[in-house]
């Protein structure tokens, strides 16, 4: 079975258990903290995926790093996953948990890339665009500033992308000139 499917099943189980126990928000915060820590600390992520390091050592590292800041349910979950020798997928499980939480909470993540920082009016406009495209879901908008965009915007909503950047328009124009129908090809 692929790691993604396994991670999805573990995440779903943790999500359902945390809902039953009334600690969904706390476990969600734990998973956000866990993914943030792994994203910021590549060495920790590599240790969890390393098959040479013993499972009990990985569990002691997880407990030392996260034990004081996480709920009992999250730590118990980490112990179970580690006992099953699946700690290599913990990062995927945490990401999938966040995705499933967002899905049941009606939250849509989107990212907008522009050449300059957004004004409050533009931010509201982009949030409204996402709401219209997703059918009224709550919007969590991430803003990225990239001067290479030159102008316009690149909006990503899930696996959809709206590319209205000057850079892309110039590239399309270049491609159109390459395909000049007035020049006979030999």
C-alpha atoms as a PDB file:
ATOM      1  CA  UNK A   1       0.000   0.000   0.000  1.00  0.00           C
ATOM      2  CA  UNK A   2       1.353   3.426  -0.878  1.00  0.00           C
ATOM      3  CA  UNK A   3       2.529   5.783   1.846  1.00  0.00           C
ATOM      4  CA  UNK A   4      -0.075   8.374   0.837  1.00  0.00           C
ATOM      5  CA  UNK A   5      -2.937   5.941   1.369  1.00  0.00           C
ATOM      6  CA  UNK A   6      -1.517   4.784   4.678  1.00  0.00           C
ATOM      7  CA  UNK A   7      -0.998   8.395   5.798  1.00  0.00           C
ATOM      8  CA  UNK A   8      -4.546   9.247   4.783  1.00  0.00           C
ATOM      9  CA  UNK A   9      -5.951   6.347   6.809  1.00  0.00           C
ATOM     10  CA  UNK A  10      -3.910   7.202   9.883  1.00  0.00           C
ATOM     11  CA  UNK A  11      -4.925  10.861   9.583  1.00  0.00           C
ATOM     12  CA  UNK A  12      -8.588   9.933   9.230  1.00  0.00           C
ATOM     13  CA  UNK A  13      -8.396   7.693  12.296  1.00  0.00           C
ATOM     14  CA  UNK A  14      -6.757  10.425  14.356  1.00  0.00           C
ATOM     15  CA  UNK A  15      -9.293  12.960  13.115  1.00  0.00           C
ATOM     16  CA  UNK A  16     -12.258  10.754  14.074  1.00  0.00           C
ATOM     17  CA  UNK A  17     -10.766   9.904  17.470  1.00  0.00           C
ATOM     18  CA  UNK A  18     -10.034  13.542  18.260  1.00  0.00           C
ATOM     19  CA  UNK A  19     -13.614  14.456  17.265  1.00  0.00           C
ATOM     20  CA  UNK A  20     -14.980  11.755  19.591  1.00  0.00           C
ATOM     21  CA  UNK A  21     -12.847  13.017  22.469  1.00  0.00           C
ATOM     22  CA  UNK A  22     -13.656  16.675  21.786  1.00  0.00           C
ATOM     23  CA  UNK A  23     -10.042  17.652  21.236  1.00  0.00           C
ATOM     24  CA  UNK A  24     -10.088  18.243  17.482  1.00  0.00           C
ATOM     25  CA  UNK A  25      -8.850  21.847  17.687  1.00  0.00           C
ATOM     26  CA  UNK A  26      -5.982  20.919  20.014  1.00  0.00           C
ATOM     27  CA  UNK A  27      -4.844  18.014  17.832  1.00  0.00           C
ATOM     28  CA  UNK A  28      -5.111  20.276  14.774  1.00  0.00           C
ATOM     29  CA  UNK A  29      -2.813  22.783  16.499  1.00  0.00           C
ATOM     30  CA  UNK A  30      -0.435  19.914  17.348  1.00  0.00           C
ATOM     31  CA  UNK A  31      -0.300  18.788  13.715  1.00  0.00           C
ATOM     32  CA  UNK A  32       0.330  22.348  12.520  1.00  0.00           C
ATOM     33  CA  UNK A  33       3.156  22.678  15.051  1.00  0.00           C
ATOM     34  CA  UNK A  34       4.582  19.291  14.052  1.00  0.00           C
ATOM     35  CA  UNK A  35       4.610  20.080  10.316  1.00  0.00           C
ATOM     36  CA  UNK A  36       6.063  23.541  10.950  1.00  0.00           C
ATOM     37  CA  UNK A  37       8.862  22.091  13.076  1.00  0.00           C
ATOM     38  CA  UNK A  38       9.697  19.446  10.471  1.00  0.00           C
ATOM     39  CA  UNK A  39       9.673  22.042   7.685  1.00  0.00           C
ATOM     40  CA  UNK A  40      12.057  24.248   9.645  1.00  0.00           C
ATOM     41  CA  UNK A  41      14.324  21.417  10.810  1.00  0.00           C
ATOM     42  CA  UNK A  42      15.381  19.192   7.931  1.00  0.00           C
ATOM     43  CA  UNK A  43      17.582  17.037  10.187  1.00  0.00           C
ATOM     44  CA  UNK A  44      14.622  15.997  12.329  1.00  0.00           C
ATOM     45  CA  UNK A  45      12.662  15.092   9.222  1.00  0.00           C
ATOM     46  CA  UNK A  46      15.577  13.004   7.934  1.00  0.00           C
ATOM     47  CA  UNK A  47      15.958  11.232  11.280  1.00  0.00           C
ATOM     48  CA  UNK A  48      12.306  10.155  11.220  1.00  0.00           C
ATOM     49  CA  UNK A  49      12.709   8.726   7.710  1.00  0.00           C
ATOM     50  CA  UNK A  50      16.058   7.048   8.371  1.00  0.00           C
ATOM     51  CA  UNK A  51      15.644   3.241   8.475  1.00  0.00           C
ATOM     52  CA  UNK A  52      18.978   2.741  10.263  1.00  0.00           C
ATOM     53  CA  UNK A  53      17.928   4.584  13.426  1.00  0.00           C
ATOM     54  CA  UNK A  54      16.026   2.356  15.846  1.00  0.00           C
ATOM     55  CA  UNK A  55      12.339   3.029  16.407  1.00  0.00           C
ATOM     56  CA  UNK A  56      12.654   3.476  20.170  1.00  0.00           C
ATOM     57  CA  UNK A  57      15.351   6.121  19.605  1.00  0.00           C
ATOM     58  CA  UNK A  58      13.041   7.963  17.183  1.00  0.00           C
ATOM     59  CA  UNK A  59      10.242   7.841  19.750  1.00  0.00           C
ATOM     60  CA  UNK A  60      12.520   9.269  22.441  1.00  0.00           C
ATOM     61  CA  UNK A  61      13.506  12.101  20.055  1.00  0.00           C
ATOM     62  CA  UNK A  62       9.839  12.831  19.274  1.00  0.00           C
ATOM     63  CA  UNK A  63       9.005  12.787  22.985  1.00  0.00           C
ATOM     64  CA  UNK A  64      11.918  15.077  23.855  1.00  0.00           C
ATOM     65  CA  UNK A  65      11.076  17.584  21.131  1.00  0.00           C
ATOM     66  CA  UNK A  66       7.271  17.566  21.251  1.00  0.00           C
ATOM     67  CA  UNK A  67       6.257  15.847  24.499  1.00  0.00           C
ATOM     68  CA  UNK A  68       5.750  18.943  26.641  1.00  0.00           C
ATOM     69  CA  UNK A  69       3.839  20.909  23.988  1.00  0.00           C
ATOM     70  CA  UNK A  70       1.411  18.343  22.579  1.00  0.00           C
ATOM     71  CA  UNK A  71      -1.776  16.757  23.866  1.00  0.00           C
ATOM     72  CA  UNK A  72      -1.802  13.264  25.336  1.00  0.00           C
ATOM     73  CA  UNK A  73      -3.827  12.029  22.365  1.00  0.00           C
ATOM     74  CA  UNK A  74      -1.245  13.270  19.857  1.00  0.00           C
ATOM     75  CA  UNK A  75       1.650  11.770  21.799  1.00  0.00           C
ATOM     76  CA  UNK A  76      -0.215   8.455  22.162  1.00  0.00           C
ATOM     77  CA  UNK A  77      -0.788   8.509  18.411  1.00  0.00           C
ATOM     78  CA  UNK A  78       2.920   9.120  17.783  1.00  0.00           C
ATOM     79  CA  UNK A  79       3.765   6.175  20.068  1.00  0.00           C
ATOM     80  CA  UNK A  80       1.375   3.844  18.223  1.00  0.00           C
ATOM     81  CA  UNK A  81       2.703   4.855  14.815  1.00  0.00           C
ATOM     82  CA  UNK A  82       6.283   4.410  16.010  1.00  0.00           C
ATOM     83  CA  UNK A  83       5.518   0.984  17.486  1.00  0.00           C
ATOM     84  CA  UNK A  84       4.170  -0.026  14.068  1.00  0.00           C
ATOM     85  CA  UNK A  85       7.473   1.109  12.491  1.00  0.00           C
ATOM     86  CA  UNK A  86       5.701   3.816  10.478  1.00  0.00           C
ATOM     87  CA  UNK A  87       7.378   6.943  11.827  1.00  0.00           C
ATOM     88  CA  UNK A  88       8.702   7.689   8.336  1.00  0.00           C
ATOM     89  CA  UNK A  89       5.171   8.683   7.306  1.00  0.00           C
ATOM     90  CA  UNK A  90       4.420  10.887  10.332  1.00  0.00           C
ATOM     91  CA  UNK A  91       5.072  14.042   8.313  1.00  0.00           C
ATOM     92  CA  UNK A  92       2.652  12.872   5.610  1.00  0.00           C
ATOM     93  CA  UNK A  93       0.083  11.934   8.248  1.00  0.00           C
ATOM     94  CA  UNK A  94       0.295  15.398   9.811  1.00  0.00           C
ATOM     95  CA  UNK A  95      -0.127  17.111   6.427  1.00  0.00           C
ATOM     96  CA  UNK A  96      -3.040  14.855   5.533  1.00  0.00           C
ATOM     97  CA  UNK A  97      -4.642  15.508   8.927  1.00  0.00           C
ATOM     98  CA  UNK A  98      -4.498  19.259   8.258  1.00  0.00           C
ATOM     99  CA  UNK A  99      -5.992  18.723   4.781  1.00  0.00           C
ATOM    100  CA  UNK A 100      -8.836  16.588   6.136  1.00  0.00           C
ATOM    101  CA  UNK A 101      -9.468  19.069   8.949  1.00  0.00           C
ATOM    102  CA  UNK A 102      -9.716  21.896   6.415  1.00  0.00           C
ATOM    103  CA  UNK A 103     -12.106  19.810   4.329  1.00  0.00           C
ATOM    104  CA  UNK A 104     -14.517  19.089   7.174  1.00  0.00           C
ATOM    105  CA  UNK A 105     -14.226  22.660   8.469  1.00  0.00           C
ATOM    106  CA  UNK A 106     -14.975  24.135   5.042  1.00  0.00           C
ATOM    107  CA  UNK A 107     -11.646  25.942   4.780  1.00  0.00           C
ATOM    108  CA  UNK A 108     -10.048  26.425   1.370  1.00  0.00           C
ATOM    109  CA  UNK A 109      -6.365  27.254   1.188  1.00  0.00           C
ATOM    110  CA  UNK A 110      -5.250  29.499  -1.624  1.00  0.00           C
ATOM    111  CA  UNK A 111      -2.024  31.250  -2.553  1.00  0.00           C
ATOM    112  CA  UNK A 112      -1.701  34.444  -4.541  1.00  0.00           C
ATOM    113  CA  UNK A 113       1.624  35.525  -6.013  1.00  0.00           C
ATOM    114  CA  UNK A 114       2.080  39.162  -6.987  1.00  0.00           C
ATOM    115  CA  UNK A 115       4.982  41.473  -7.764  1.00  0.00           C
ATOM    116  CA  UNK A 116       4.135  43.809  -4.858  1.00  0.00           C
ATOM    117  CA  UNK A 117       2.437  43.308  -1.474  1.00  0.00           C
ATOM    118  CA  UNK A 118      -1.363  43.279  -1.543  1.00  0.00           C
ATOM    119  CA  UNK A 119      -3.448  46.182  -0.347  1.00  0.00           C
ATOM    120  CA  UNK A 120      -6.430  45.395   1.896  1.00  0.00           C
ATOM    121  CA  UNK A 121      -8.809  45.998  -1.049  1.00  0.00           C
ATOM    122  CA  UNK A 122      -6.907  43.596  -3.304  1.00  0.00           C
ATOM    123  CA  UNK A 123      -6.725  41.016  -0.534  1.00  0.00           C
ATOM    124  CA  UNK A 124     -10.505  41.199  -0.134  1.00  0.00           C
ATOM    125  CA  UNK A 125     -10.935  40.891  -3.917  1.00  0.00           C
ATOM    126  CA  UNK A 126      -8.794  37.748  -4.050  1.00  0.00           C
ATOM    127  CA  UNK A 127     -10.617  36.247  -1.082  1.00  0.00           C
ATOM    128  CA  UNK A 128     -13.919  36.920  -2.843  1.00  0.00           C
ATOM    129  CA  UNK A 129     -12.579  35.248  -6.014  1.00  0.00           C
ATOM    130  CA  UNK A 130     -11.692  32.134  -4.025  1.00  0.00           C
ATOM    131  CA  UNK A 131     -15.086  32.113  -2.275  1.00  0.00           C
ATOM    132  CA  UNK A 132     -16.850  32.296  -5.655  1.00  0.00           C
ATOM    133  CA  UNK A 133     -14.736  29.500  -7.154  1.00  0.00           C
ATOM    134  CA  UNK A 134     -15.137  27.175  -4.165  1.00  0.00           C
ATOM    135  CA  UNK A 135     -18.808  27.662  -3.512  1.00  0.00           C
ATOM    136  CA  UNK A 136     -18.668  29.725  -0.337  1.00  0.00           C
ATOM    137  CA  UNK A 137     -15.924  28.018   1.660  1.00  0.00           C
ATOM    138  CA  UNK A 138     -13.885  29.968   4.211  1.00  0.00           C
ATOM    139  CA  UNK A 139     -10.646  31.206   2.716  1.00  0.00           C
ATOM    140  CA  UNK A 140      -7.131  30.957   4.086  1.00  0.00           C
ATOM    141  CA  UNK A 141      -5.119  33.141   1.717  1.00  0.00           C
ATOM    142  CA  UNK A 142      -1.326  32.944   1.592  1.00  0.00           C
ATOM    143  CA  UNK A 143       0.394  35.910  -0.024  1.00  0.00           C
ATOM    144  CA  UNK A 144       3.676  35.541  -1.894  1.00  0.00           C
ATOM    145  CA  UNK A 145       5.624  38.478  -3.312  1.00  0.00           C
ATOM    146  CA  UNK A 146       7.741  37.619  -6.358  1.00  0.00           C
ATOM    147  CA  UNK A 147       9.182  40.492  -8.433  1.00  0.00           C
ATOM    148  CA  UNK A 148       9.715  38.091 -11.363  1.00  0.00           C
ATOM    149  CA  UNK A 149       5.946  38.150 -11.903  1.00  0.00           C
ATOM    150  CA  UNK A 150       6.412  41.740 -13.184  1.00  0.00           C
ATOM    151  CA  UNK A 151       2.695  42.485 -12.866  1.00  0.00           C
ATOM    152  CA  UNK A 152      -0.659  40.743 -12.541  1.00  0.00           C
ATOM    153  CA  UNK A 153      -1.203  37.753 -10.295  1.00  0.00           C
ATOM    154  CA  UNK A 154      -0.941  33.984 -10.017  1.00  0.00           C
ATOM    155  CA  UNK A 155      -3.749  32.456  -7.949  1.00  0.00           C
ATOM    156  CA  UNK A 156      -3.588  28.826  -6.798  1.00  0.00           C
ATOM    157  CA  UNK A 157      -6.686  27.244  -5.293  1.00  0.00           C
ATOM    158  CA  UNK A 158      -6.069  23.625  -4.427  1.00  0.00           C
ATOM    159  CA  UNK A 159      -4.974  22.042  -7.696  1.00  0.00           C
ATOM    160  CA  UNK A 160      -6.383  24.853  -9.858  1.00  0.00           C
ATOM    161  CA  UNK A 161      -4.285  27.752 -11.074  1.00  0.00           C
ATOM    162  CA  UNK A 162      -5.271  31.123 -12.528  1.00  0.00           C
ATOM    163  CA  UNK A 163      -2.223  32.671 -14.202  1.00  0.00           C
ATOM    164  CA  UNK A 164      -2.825  36.298 -15.089  1.00  0.00           C
ATOM    165  CA  UNK A 165       0.779  37.492 -14.863  1.00  0.00           C
ATOM    166  CA  UNK A 166       2.575  39.805 -17.243  1.00  0.00           C
ATOM    167  CA  UNK A 167       5.422  37.290 -17.374  1.00  0.00           C
ATOM    168  CA  UNK A 168       3.106  34.591 -18.762  1.00  0.00           C
ATOM    169  CA  UNK A 169       1.466  36.969 -21.207  1.00  0.00           C
ATOM    170  CA  UNK A 170       4.880  38.004 -22.561  1.00  0.00           C
ATOM    171  CA  UNK A 171       5.846  34.334 -22.893  1.00  0.00           C
ATOM    172  CA  UNK A 172       2.635  33.603 -24.835  1.00  0.00           C
ATOM    173  CA  UNK A 173       3.346  36.565 -27.091  1.00  0.00           C
ATOM    174  CA  UNK A 174       6.874  35.256 -27.763  1.00  0.00           C
ATOM    175  CA  UNK A 175       5.438  31.854 -28.627  1.00  0.00           C
ATOM    176  CA  UNK A 176       2.930  33.460 -31.000  1.00  0.00           C
ATOM    177  CA  UNK A 177       5.745  35.266 -32.811  1.00  0.00           C
ATOM    178  CA  UNK A 178       7.618  31.982 -33.172  1.00  0.00           C
ATOM    179  CA  UNK A 179       4.537  30.523 -34.840  1.00  0.00           C
ATOM    180  CA  UNK A 180       4.324  33.299 -37.441  1.00  0.00           C
ATOM    181  CA  UNK A 181       1.896  32.100 -40.160  1.00  0.00           C
ATOM    182  CA  UNK A 182       3.159  34.644 -42.683  1.00  0.00           C
ATOM    183  CA  UNK A 183       6.580  33.093 -43.042  1.00  0.00           C
ATOM    184  CA  UNK A 184       6.674  30.060 -45.260  1.00  0.00           C
ATOM    185  CA  UNK A 185       8.482  27.173 -43.728  1.00  0.00           C
ATOM    186  CA  UNK A 186      10.947  25.319 -45.925  1.00  0.00           C
END
